[in-house]
Amino acid sequence: IFPFTTLLIPLQNPPTSSQTVAPPPPPTSPPPSPPP
């Protein structure tokens, strides 16, 4: 997709103001502890 074009987003419910804020990146999980 290219800037300055429109992309249709299918929605089941109306959009909300909370969705205009970019979601934070997912937290990085710590590596699993080695087995004893």
PDB file of all heavy atoms in Angstrom:
ATOM      1  N   ILE A   1       0.855  -1.192   0.000  1.00  0.00           N
ATOM      2  CA  ILE A   1       0.000   0.000   0.000  1.00  0.00           C
ATOM      3  C   ILE A   1       0.882   1.231   0.000  1.00  0.00           C
ATOM      4  O   ILE A   1       2.055   1.176   0.405  1.00  0.00           O
ATOM      5  CB  ILE A   1      -0.972   0.017   1.204  1.00  0.00           C
ATOM      6  CG1 ILE A   1      -0.203  -0.143   2.523  1.00  0.00           C
ATOM      7  CG2 ILE A   1      -2.017  -1.070   1.062  1.00  0.00           C
ATOM      8  CD1 ILE A   1      -1.091  -0.082   3.758  1.00  0.00           C
ATOM      9  N   PHE A   2       0.332   2.375  -0.438  1.00  0.00           N
ATOM     10  CA  PHE A   2       1.119   3.579  -0.647  1.00  0.00           C
ATOM     11  C   PHE A   2       0.527   4.750   0.140  1.00  0.00           C
ATOM     12  O   PHE A   2      -0.697   4.849   0.295  1.00  0.00           O
ATOM     13  CB  PHE A   2       1.164   3.944  -2.136  1.00  0.00           C
ATOM     14  CG  PHE A   2       1.729   2.861  -3.002  1.00  0.00           C
ATOM     15  CD1 PHE A   2       0.899   1.911  -3.588  1.00  0.00           C
ATOM     16  CD2 PHE A   2       3.090   2.774  -3.224  1.00  0.00           C
ATOM     17  CE1 PHE A   2       1.417   0.900  -4.380  1.00  0.00           C
ATOM     18  CE2 PHE A   2       3.615   1.770  -4.029  1.00  0.00           C
ATOM     19  CZ  PHE A   2       2.783   0.829  -4.599  1.00  0.00           C
ATOM     20  N   PRO A   3       1.410   5.669   0.623  1.00  0.00           N
ATOM     21  CA  PRO A   3       0.912   6.857   1.333  1.00  0.00           C
ATOM     22  C   PRO A   3      -0.013   7.695   0.448  1.00  0.00           C
ATOM     23  O   PRO A   3       0.083   7.671  -0.778  1.00  0.00           O
ATOM     24  CB  PRO A   3       2.199   7.628   1.675  1.00  0.00           C
ATOM     25  CG  PRO A   3       3.278   6.605   1.641  1.00  0.00           C
ATOM     26  CD  PRO A   3       2.873   5.622   0.588  1.00  0.00           C
ATOM     27  N   PHE A   4      -0.920   8.438   1.100  1.00  0.00           N
ATOM     28  CA  PHE A   4      -1.860   9.356   0.446  1.00  0.00           C
ATOM     29  C   PHE A   4      -2.904   8.616  -0.391  1.00  0.00           C
ATOM     30  O   PHE A   4      -3.438   9.149  -1.356  1.00  0.00           O
ATOM     31  CB  PHE A   4      -1.133  10.411  -0.393  1.00  0.00           C
ATOM     32  CG  PHE A   4       0.088  10.957   0.259  1.00  0.00           C
ATOM     33  CD1 PHE A   4       1.318  10.909  -0.370  1.00  0.00           C
ATOM     34  CD2 PHE A   4       0.028  11.489   1.544  1.00  0.00           C
ATOM     35  CE1 PHE A   4       2.463  11.388   0.251  1.00  0.00           C
ATOM     36  CE2 PHE A   4       1.160  11.961   2.168  1.00  0.00           C
ATOM     37  CZ  PHE A   4       2.371  11.914   1.526  1.00  0.00           C
ATOM     38  N   THR A   5      -3.147   7.341  -0.023  1.00  0.00           N
ATOM     39  CA  THR A   5      -4.246   6.592  -0.614  1.00  0.00           C
ATOM     40  C   THR A   5      -5.146   6.115   0.530  1.00  0.00           C
ATOM     41  O   THR A   5      -4.765   6.173   1.693  1.00  0.00           O
ATOM     42  CB  THR A   5      -3.740   5.370  -1.405  1.00  0.00           C
ATOM     43  OG1 THR A   5      -2.984   4.522  -0.522  1.00  0.00           O
ATOM     44  CG2 THR A   5      -2.861   5.800  -2.560  1.00  0.00           C
ATOM     45  N   THR A   6      -6.339   5.627   0.176  1.00  0.00           N
ATOM     46  CA  THR A   6      -7.256   5.144   1.205  1.00  0.00           C
ATOM     47  C   THR A   6      -7.323   3.626   1.185  1.00  0.00           C
ATOM     48  O   THR A   6      -7.239   2.994   0.130  1.00  0.00           O
ATOM     49  CB  THR A   6      -8.674   5.712   1.003  1.00  0.00           C
ATOM     50  OG1 THR A   6      -9.124   5.400  -0.318  1.00  0.00           O
ATOM     51  CG2 THR A   6      -8.687   7.212   1.214  1.00  0.00           C
ATOM     52  N   LEU A   7      -7.484   3.060   2.383  1.00  0.00           N
ATOM     53  CA  LEU A   7      -7.628   1.625   2.565  1.00  0.00           C
ATOM     54  C   LEU A   7      -8.933   1.396   3.313  1.00  0.00           C
ATOM     55  O   LEU A   7      -9.163   1.999   4.368  1.00  0.00           O
ATOM     56  CB  LEU A   7      -6.448   1.081   3.375  1.00  0.00           C
ATOM     57  CG  LEU A   7      -6.331  -0.437   3.502  1.00  0.00           C
ATOM     58  CD1 LEU A   7      -5.841  -1.036   2.181  1.00  0.00           C
ATOM     59  CD2 LEU A   7      -5.362  -0.798   4.622  1.00  0.00           C
ATOM     60  N   LEU A   8      -9.798   0.564   2.785  1.00  0.00           N
ATOM     61  CA  LEU A   8     -11.072   0.280   3.444  1.00  0.00           C
ATOM     62  C   LEU A   8     -10.865  -0.726   4.575  1.00  0.00           C
ATOM     63  O   LEU A   8     -10.321  -1.815   4.351  1.00  0.00           O
ATOM     64  CB  LEU A   8     -12.084  -0.267   2.441  1.00  0.00           C
ATOM     65  CG  LEU A   8     -12.652   0.737   1.430  1.00  0.00           C
ATOM     66  CD1 LEU A   8     -13.558   0.026   0.436  1.00  0.00           C
ATOM     67  CD2 LEU A   8     -13.409   1.856   2.135  1.00  0.00           C
ATOM     68  N   ILE A   9     -11.309  -0.370   5.786  1.00  0.00           N
ATOM     69  CA  ILE A   9     -11.218  -1.254   6.938  1.00  0.00           C
ATOM     70  C   ILE A   9     -12.626  -1.732   7.283  1.00  0.00           C
ATOM     71  O   ILE A   9     -13.477  -0.916   7.664  1.00  0.00           O
ATOM     72  CB  ILE A   9     -10.593  -0.536   8.155  1.00  0.00           C
ATOM     73  CG1 ILE A   9      -9.296   0.178   7.762  1.00  0.00           C
ATOM     74  CG2 ILE A   9     -10.373  -1.515   9.297  1.00  0.00           C
ATOM     75  CD1 ILE A   9      -8.184  -0.734   7.338  1.00  0.00           C
ATOM     76  N   PRO A  10     -12.922  -3.038   7.160  1.00  0.00           N
ATOM     77  CA  PRO A  10     -14.263  -3.545   7.500  1.00  0.00           C
ATOM     78  C   PRO A  10     -14.437  -3.601   9.026  1.00  0.00           C
ATOM     79  O   PRO A  10     -13.587  -4.149   9.731  1.00  0.00           O
ATOM     80  CB  PRO A  10     -14.278  -4.954   6.894  1.00  0.00           C
ATOM     81  CG  PRO A  10     -13.051  -5.046   6.033  1.00  0.00           C
ATOM     82  CD  PRO A  10     -12.070  -4.089   6.597  1.00  0.00           C
ATOM     83  N   LEU A  11     -15.542  -3.057   9.519  1.00  0.00           N
ATOM     84  CA  LEU A  11     -15.790  -2.997  10.962  1.00  0.00           C
ATOM     85  C   LEU A  11     -17.153  -3.609  11.292  1.00  0.00           C
ATOM     86  O   LEU A  11     -18.122  -3.423  10.552  1.00  0.00           O
ATOM     87  CB  LEU A  11     -15.763  -1.547  11.449  1.00  0.00           C
ATOM     88  CG  LEU A  11     -14.495  -0.717  11.184  1.00  0.00           C
ATOM     89  CD1 LEU A  11     -14.705   0.710  11.678  1.00  0.00           C
ATOM     90  CD2 LEU A  11     -13.287  -1.348  11.845  1.00  0.00           C
ATOM     91  N   GLN A  12     -17.206  -4.302  12.428  1.00  0.00           N
ATOM     92  CA  GLN A  12     -18.484  -4.800  12.919  1.00  0.00           C
ATOM     93  C   GLN A  12     -19.172  -3.766  13.799  1.00  0.00           C
ATOM     94  O   GLN A  12     -20.398  -3.764  13.929  1.00  0.00           O
ATOM     95  CB  GLN A  12     -18.271  -6.100  13.708  1.00  0.00           C
ATOM     96  CG  GLN A  12     -17.826  -7.258  12.825  1.00  0.00           C
ATOM     97  CD  GLN A  12     -17.754  -8.569  13.591  1.00  0.00           C
ATOM     98  OE1 GLN A  12     -17.743  -8.582  14.816  1.00  0.00           O
ATOM     99  NE2 GLN A  12     -17.715  -9.677  12.869  1.00  0.00           N
ATOM    100  N   ASN A  13     -18.359  -2.867  14.414  1.00  0.00           N
ATOM    101  CA  ASN A  13     -18.889  -1.823  15.285  1.00  0.00           C
ATOM    102  C   ASN A  13     -18.293  -0.482  14.891  1.00  0.00           C
ATOM    103  O   ASN A  13     -17.220  -0.429  14.279  1.00  0.00           O
ATOM    104  CB  ASN A  13     -18.558  -2.124  16.749  1.00  0.00           C
ATOM    105  CG  ASN A  13     -19.163  -3.436  17.203  1.00  0.00           C
ATOM    106  OD1 ASN A  13     -20.378  -3.610  17.205  1.00  0.00           O
ATOM    107  ND2 ASN A  13     -18.302  -4.386  17.584  1.00  0.00           N
ATOM    108  N   PRO A  14     -18.944   0.632  15.234  1.00  0.00           N
ATOM    109  CA  PRO A  14     -18.373   1.942  14.923  1.00  0.00           C
ATOM    110  C   PRO A  14     -16.999   2.109  15.573  1.00  0.00           C
ATOM    111  O   PRO A  14     -16.754   1.557  16.655  1.00  0.00           O
ATOM    112  CB  PRO A  14     -19.389   2.931  15.516  1.00  0.00           C
ATOM    113  CG  PRO A  14     -20.662   2.163  15.596  1.00  0.00           C
ATOM    114  CD  PRO A  14     -20.274   0.748  15.880  1.00  0.00           C
ATOM    115  N   PRO A  15     -16.096   2.847  14.929  1.00  0.00           N
ATOM    116  CA  PRO A  15     -14.783   3.094  15.538  1.00  0.00           C
ATOM    117  C   PRO A  15     -14.920   3.965  16.779  1.00  0.00           C
ATOM    118  O   PRO A  15     -15.916   4.675  16.952  1.00  0.00           O
ATOM    119  CB  PRO A  15     -14.016   3.811  14.425  1.00  0.00           C
ATOM    120  CG  PRO A  15     -15.077   4.458  13.592  1.00  0.00           C
ATOM    121  CD  PRO A  15     -16.259   3.536  13.645  1.00  0.00           C
ATOM    122  N   THR A  16     -13.923   3.918  17.645  1.00  0.00           N
ATOM    123  CA  THR A  16     -13.945   4.705  18.880  1.00  0.00           C
ATOM    124  C   THR A  16     -12.706   5.573  18.969  1.00  0.00           C
ATOM    125  O   THR A  16     -11.700   5.333  18.284  1.00  0.00           O
ATOM    126  CB  THR A  16     -14.010   3.786  20.107  1.00  0.00           C
ATOM    127  OG1 THR A  16     -12.806   2.991  20.162  1.00  0.00           O
ATOM    128  CG2 THR A  16     -15.213   2.861  20.045  1.00  0.00           C
ATOM    129  N   SER A  17     -12.773   6.584  19.833  1.00  0.00           N
ATOM    130  CA  SER A  17     -11.652   7.516  19.987  1.00  0.00           C
ATOM    131  C   SER A  17     -10.401   6.816  20.492  1.00  0.00           C
ATOM    132  O   SER A  17      -9.275   7.229  20.193  1.00  0.00           O
ATOM    133  CB  SER A  17     -12.043   8.646  20.945  1.00  0.00           C
ATOM    134  OG  SER A  17     -12.410   8.127  22.205  1.00  0.00           O
ATOM    135  N   SER A  18     -10.569   5.740  21.279  1.00  0.00           N
ATOM    136  CA  SER A  18      -9.400   5.027  21.799  1.00  0.00           C
ATOM    137  C   SER A  18      -8.590   4.398  20.671  1.00  0.00           C
ATOM    138  O   SER A  18      -7.386   4.152  20.823  1.00  0.00           O
ATOM    139  CB  SER A  18      -9.832   3.945  22.789  1.00  0.00           C
ATOM    140  OG  SER A  18     -10.662   2.981  22.151  1.00  0.00           O
ATOM    141  N   GLN A  19      -9.228   4.135  19.527  1.00  0.00           N
ATOM    142  CA  GLN A  19      -8.528   3.508  18.413  1.00  0.00           C
ATOM    143  C   GLN A  19      -7.721   4.505  17.585  1.00  0.00           C
ATOM    144  O   GLN A  19      -6.981   4.098  16.691  1.00  0.00           O
ATOM    145  CB  GLN A  19      -9.541   2.787  17.513  1.00  0.00           C
ATOM    146  CG  GLN A  19     -10.205   1.608  18.197  1.00  0.00           C
ATOM    147  CD  GLN A  19     -11.370   1.050  17.397  1.00  0.00           C
ATOM    148  OE1 GLN A  19     -12.073   1.786  16.698  1.00  0.00           O
ATOM    149  NE2 GLN A  19     -11.591  -0.252  17.497  1.00  0.00           N
ATOM    150  N   THR A  20      -7.861   5.795  17.859  1.00  0.00           N
ATOM    151  CA  THR A  20      -7.055   6.786  17.140  1.00  0.00           C
ATOM    152  C   THR A  20      -5.664   6.919  17.742  1.00  0.00           C
ATOM    153  O   THR A  20      -4.797   7.584  17.171  1.00  0.00           O
ATOM    154  CB  THR A  20      -7.738   8.168  17.165  1.00  0.00           C
ATOM    155  OG1 THR A  20      -7.870   8.603  18.529  1.00  0.00           O
ATOM    156  CG2 THR A  20      -9.100   8.106  16.518  1.00  0.00           C
ATOM    157  N   VAL A  21      -5.444   6.298  18.908  1.00  0.00           N
ATOM    158  CA  VAL A  21      -4.125   6.313  19.546  1.00  0.00           C
ATOM    159  C   VAL A  21      -3.401   5.042  19.143  1.00  0.00           C
ATOM    160  O   VAL A  21      -3.949   3.945  19.241  1.00  0.00           O
ATOM    161  CB  VAL A  21      -4.245   6.391  21.086  1.00  0.00           C
ATOM    162  CG1 VAL A  21      -2.866   6.417  21.723  1.00  0.00           C
ATOM    163  CG2 VAL A  21      -5.062   7.612  21.482  1.00  0.00           C
ATOM    164  N   ALA A  22      -2.167   5.182  18.668  1.00  0.00           N
ATOM    165  CA  ALA A  22      -1.411   4.015  18.227  1.00  0.00           C
ATOM    166  C   ALA A  22      -1.199   3.069  19.396  1.00  0.00           C
ATOM    167  O   ALA A  22      -0.823   3.506  20.490  1.00  0.00           O
ATOM    168  CB  ALA A  22      -0.066   4.439  17.641  1.00  0.00           C
ATOM    169  N   PRO A  23      -1.459   1.768  19.206  1.00  0.00           N
ATOM    170  CA  PRO A  23      -1.253   0.820  20.294  1.00  0.00           C
ATOM    171  C   PRO A  23       0.224   0.702  20.641  1.00  0.00           C
ATOM    172  O   PRO A  23       1.079   0.805  19.763  1.00  0.00           O
ATOM    173  CB  PRO A  23      -1.794  -0.502  19.719  1.00  0.00           C
ATOM    174  CG  PRO A  23      -1.690  -0.343  18.242  1.00  0.00           C
ATOM    175  CD  PRO A  23      -1.897   1.117  17.963  1.00  0.00           C
ATOM    176  N   PRO A  24       0.541   0.513  21.926  1.00  0.00           N
ATOM    177  CA  PRO A  24       1.945   0.368  22.313  1.00  0.00           C
ATOM    178  C   PRO A  24       2.509  -0.927  21.768  1.00  0.00           C
ATOM    179  O   PRO A  24       1.767  -1.879  21.517  1.00  0.00           O
ATOM    180  CB  PRO A  24       1.891   0.354  23.847  1.00  0.00           C
ATOM    181  CG  PRO A  24       0.527  -0.158  24.159  1.00  0.00           C
ATOM    182  CD  PRO A  24      -0.366   0.368  23.073  1.00  0.00           C
ATOM    183  N   PRO A  25       3.831  -0.967  21.527  1.00  0.00           N
ATOM    184  CA  PRO A  25       4.418  -2.217  21.036  1.00  0.00           C
ATOM    185  C   PRO A  25       4.270  -3.321  22.076  1.00  0.00           C
ATOM    186  O   PRO A  25       4.247  -3.044  23.276  1.00  0.00           O
ATOM    187  CB  PRO A  25       5.897  -1.846  20.822  1.00  0.00           C
ATOM    188  CG  PRO A  25       6.136  -0.671  21.702  1.00  0.00           C
ATOM    189  CD  PRO A  25       4.835   0.066  21.760  1.00  0.00           C
ATOM    190  N   PRO A  26       4.122  -4.562  21.647  1.00  0.00           N
ATOM    191  CA  PRO A  26       3.962  -5.652  22.608  1.00  0.00           C
ATOM    192  C   PRO A  26       5.191  -5.797  23.477  1.00  0.00           C
ATOM    193  O   PRO A  26       6.314  -5.615  23.008  1.00  0.00           O
ATOM    194  CB  PRO A  26       3.763  -6.882  21.708  1.00  0.00           C
ATOM    195  CG  PRO A  26       4.358  -6.506  20.395  1.00  0.00           C
ATOM    196  CD  PRO A  26       4.163  -5.031  20.256  1.00  0.00           C
ATOM    197  N   PRO A  27       5.001  -6.087  24.786  1.00  0.00           N
ATOM    198  CA  PRO A  27       6.153  -6.215  25.675  1.00  0.00           C
ATOM    199  C   PRO A  27       6.976  -7.430  25.292  1.00  0.00           C
ATOM    200  O   PRO A  27       6.452  -8.443  24.824  1.00  0.00           O
ATOM    201  CB  PRO A  27       5.510  -6.389  27.062  1.00  0.00           C
ATOM    202  CG  PRO A  27       4.148  -6.949  26.774  1.00  0.00           C
ATOM    203  CD  PRO A  27       3.719  -6.339  25.468  1.00  0.00           C
ATOM    204  N   THR A  28       8.268  -7.267  25.469  1.00  0.00           N
ATOM    205  CA  THR A  28       9.154  -8.385  25.174  1.00  0.00           C
ATOM    206  C   THR A  28       9.175  -9.322  26.367  1.00  0.00           C
ATOM    207  O   THR A  28       9.389  -8.895  27.502  1.00  0.00           O
ATOM    208  CB  THR A  28      10.575  -7.880  24.895  1.00  0.00           C
ATOM    209  OG1 THR A  28      10.995  -7.074  26.003  1.00  0.00           O
ATOM    210  CG2 THR A  28      10.608  -7.026  23.641  1.00  0.00           C
ATOM    211  N   SER A  29       8.926 -10.606  26.134  1.00  0.00           N
ATOM    212  CA  SER A  29       8.884 -11.580  27.212  1.00  0.00           C
ATOM    213  C   SER A  29      10.294 -11.979  27.613  1.00  0.00           C
ATOM    214  O   SER A  29      11.169 -12.165  26.750  1.00  0.00           O
ATOM    215  CB  SER A  29       8.119 -12.827  26.763  1.00  0.00           C
ATOM    216  OG  SER A  29       6.826 -12.483  26.351  1.00  0.00           O
ATOM    217  N   PRO A  30      10.535 -12.124  28.932  1.00  0.00           N
ATOM    218  CA  PRO A  30      11.869 -12.554  29.360  1.00  0.00           C
ATOM    219  C   PRO A  30      12.110 -13.988  28.944  1.00  0.00           C
ATOM    220  O   PRO A  30      11.169 -14.766  28.801  1.00  0.00           O
ATOM    221  CB  PRO A  30      11.792 -12.415  30.889  1.00  0.00           C
ATOM    222  CG  PRO A  30      10.337 -12.526  31.207  1.00  0.00           C
ATOM    223  CD  PRO A  30       9.624 -11.905  30.053  1.00  0.00           C
ATOM    224  N   PRO A  31      13.365 -14.356  28.674  1.00  0.00           N
ATOM    225  CA  PRO A  31      13.649 -15.736  28.270  1.00  0.00           C
ATOM    226  C   PRO A  31      13.270 -16.695  29.387  1.00  0.00           C
ATOM    227  O   PRO A  31      13.372 -16.358  30.566  1.00  0.00           O
ATOM    228  CB  PRO A  31      15.166 -15.727  28.019  1.00  0.00           C
ATOM    229  CG  PRO A  31      15.681 -14.566  28.782  1.00  0.00           C
ATOM    230  CD  PRO A  31      14.578 -13.562  28.798  1.00  0.00           C
ATOM    231  N   PRO A  32      12.769 -17.870  29.029  1.00  0.00           N
ATOM    232  CA  PRO A  32      12.382 -18.829  30.063  1.00  0.00           C
ATOM    233  C   PRO A  32      13.564 -19.252  30.914  1.00  0.00           C
ATOM    234  O   PRO A  32      14.689 -19.346  30.431  1.00  0.00           O
ATOM    235  CB  PRO A  32      11.821 -20.010  29.246  1.00  0.00           C
ATOM    236  CG  PRO A  32      12.430 -19.881  27.891  1.00  0.00           C
ATOM    237  CD  PRO A  32      12.607 -18.416  27.669  1.00  0.00           C
ATOM    238  N   SER A  33      13.280 -19.461  32.181  1.00  0.00           N
ATOM    239  CA  SER A  33      14.337 -19.871  33.108  1.00  0.00           C
ATOM    240  C   SER A  33      14.795 -21.272  32.751  1.00  0.00           C
ATOM    241  O   SER A  33      13.985 -22.137  32.404  1.00  0.00           O
ATOM    242  CB  SER A  33      13.822 -19.851  34.548  1.00  0.00           C
ATOM    243  OG  SER A  33      13.356 -18.569  34.873  1.00  0.00           O
ATOM    244  N   PRO A  34      16.109 -21.508  32.818  1.00  0.00           N
ATOM    245  CA  PRO A  34      16.607 -22.858  32.517  1.00  0.00           C
ATOM    246  C   PRO A  34      16.108 -23.848  33.556  1.00  0.00           C
ATOM    247  O   PRO A  34      15.925 -23.497  34.718  1.00  0.00           O
ATOM    248  CB  PRO A  34      18.128 -22.691  32.559  1.00  0.00           C
ATOM    249  CG  PRO A  34      18.357 -21.505  33.423  1.00  0.00           C
ATOM    250  CD  PRO A  34      17.193 -20.611  33.206  1.00  0.00           C
ATOM    251  N   PRO A  35      15.848 -25.093  33.171  1.00  0.00           N
ATOM    252  CA  PRO A  35      15.379 -26.096  34.137  1.00  0.00           C
ATOM    253  C   PRO A  35      16.451 -26.394  35.175  1.00  0.00           C
ATOM    254  O   PRO A  35      17.644 -26.257  34.901  1.00  0.00           O
ATOM    255  CB  PRO A  35      15.088 -27.310  33.252  1.00  0.00           C
ATOM    256  CG  PRO A  35      15.950 -27.129  32.042  1.00  0.00           C
ATOM    257  CD  PRO A  35      16.030 -25.661  31.824  1.00  0.00           C
ATOM    258  N   PRO A  36      16.016 -26.741  36.407  1.00  0.00           N
ATOM    259  CA  PRO A  36      17.006 -27.048  37.447  1.00  0.00           C
ATOM    260  C   PRO A  36      17.823 -28.268  37.051  1.00  0.00           C
ATOM    261  O   PRO A  36      17.322 -29.187  36.394  1.00  0.00           O
ATOM    262  CB  PRO A  36      16.131 -27.335  38.679  1.00  0.00           C
ATOM    263  CG  PRO A  36      14.814 -27.734  38.129  1.00  0.00           C
ATOM    264  CD  PRO A  36      14.643 -26.945  36.871  1.00  0.00           C
TER     265      PRO A  36
END
